[in-house]
Amino acid sequence: MSGEERFAVRCDPMTSVVFAEVLSFSRPATWASKAAGPLGAVTQRFIAQRYLRAV
């Protein structure tokens, strides 16, 4: 895959509530990622959700 990811975490100083955001975009860069098709996008979404749960 070729692309970018942004992980942002911020805390509201008034309420101490923590917000997390993951933004990503990608495109297949190798024959293997092209062959994965939609499974690649599902895998990326799964990994992003795991990152957010860990935060």
Protein backbone atom coordinates (compact mmCIF):
# COMPACT_ATOMS: atom_id res chain seq x y z
CA MET A 1 0.00 0.00 0.00
CA SER A 2 1.01 3.58 -0.58
CA GLY A 3 -0.64 6.40 1.32
CA GLU A 4 -0.76 8.43 4.50
CA GLU A 5 -2.16 8.15 8.00
CA ARG A 6 -2.78 10.81 10.62
CA PHE A 7 -3.28 10.03 14.29
CA ALA A 8 -4.51 12.95 16.36
CA VAL A 9 -5.23 12.98 20.09
CA ARG A 10 -6.41 16.03 21.98
CA CYS A 11 -7.70 16.77 25.45
CA ASP A 12 -10.36 19.37 26.23
CA PRO A 13 -8.83 21.39 29.09
CA MET A 14 -12.24 22.36 30.47
CA THR A 15 -13.71 18.86 30.70
CA SER A 16 -10.59 16.62 30.53
CA VAL A 17 -12.33 14.62 27.78
CA VAL A 18 -9.88 12.99 25.38
CA PHE A 19 -10.64 12.83 21.66
CA ALA A 20 -8.81 10.59 19.19
CA GLU A 21 -9.01 10.56 15.41
CA VAL A 22 -7.45 8.43 12.70
CA LEU A 23 -7.54 9.63 9.11
CA SER A 24 -5.99 7.58 6.33
CA PHE A 25 -6.00 7.09 2.63
CA SER A 26 -4.13 4.62 0.49
CA ARG A 27 -3.93 2.91 -2.84
CA PRO A 28 -2.52 -0.46 -3.85
CA ALA A 29 1.18 -0.21 -4.69
CA THR A 30 2.16 -3.84 -5.28
CA TRP A 31 0.58 -6.78 -7.04
CA ALA A 32 -0.16 -8.39 -3.66
CA SER A 33 -2.07 -5.38 -2.35
CA LYS A 34 -3.94 -5.09 -5.65
CA ALA A 35 -4.87 -8.78 -5.39
CA ALA A 36 -6.17 -8.22 -1.83
CA GLY A 37 -8.80 -5.84 -3.22
CA PRO A 38 -11.43 -4.79 -0.67
CA LEU A 39 -9.84 -7.00 1.98
CA GLY A 40 -7.02 -4.45 2.21
CA ALA A 41 -9.45 -1.66 3.13
CA VAL A 42 -11.18 -3.85 5.71
CA THR A 43 -7.81 -4.70 7.26
CA GLN A 44 -6.83 -1.02 7.45
CA ARG A 45 -10.12 -0.15 9.14
CA PHE A 46 -9.65 -2.98 11.66
CA ILE A 47 -6.14 -1.80 12.54
CA ALA A 48 -7.28 1.82 12.94
CA GLN A 49 -10.02 0.72 15.34
CA ARG A 50 -7.47 -1.21 17.39
CA TYR A 51 -5.25 1.89 17.59
CA LEU A 52 -8.16 3.96 18.87
CA ARG A 53 -9.16 1.38 21.48
CA ALA A 54 -5.56 1.35 22.74
CA VAL A 55 -5.56 5.12 23.15
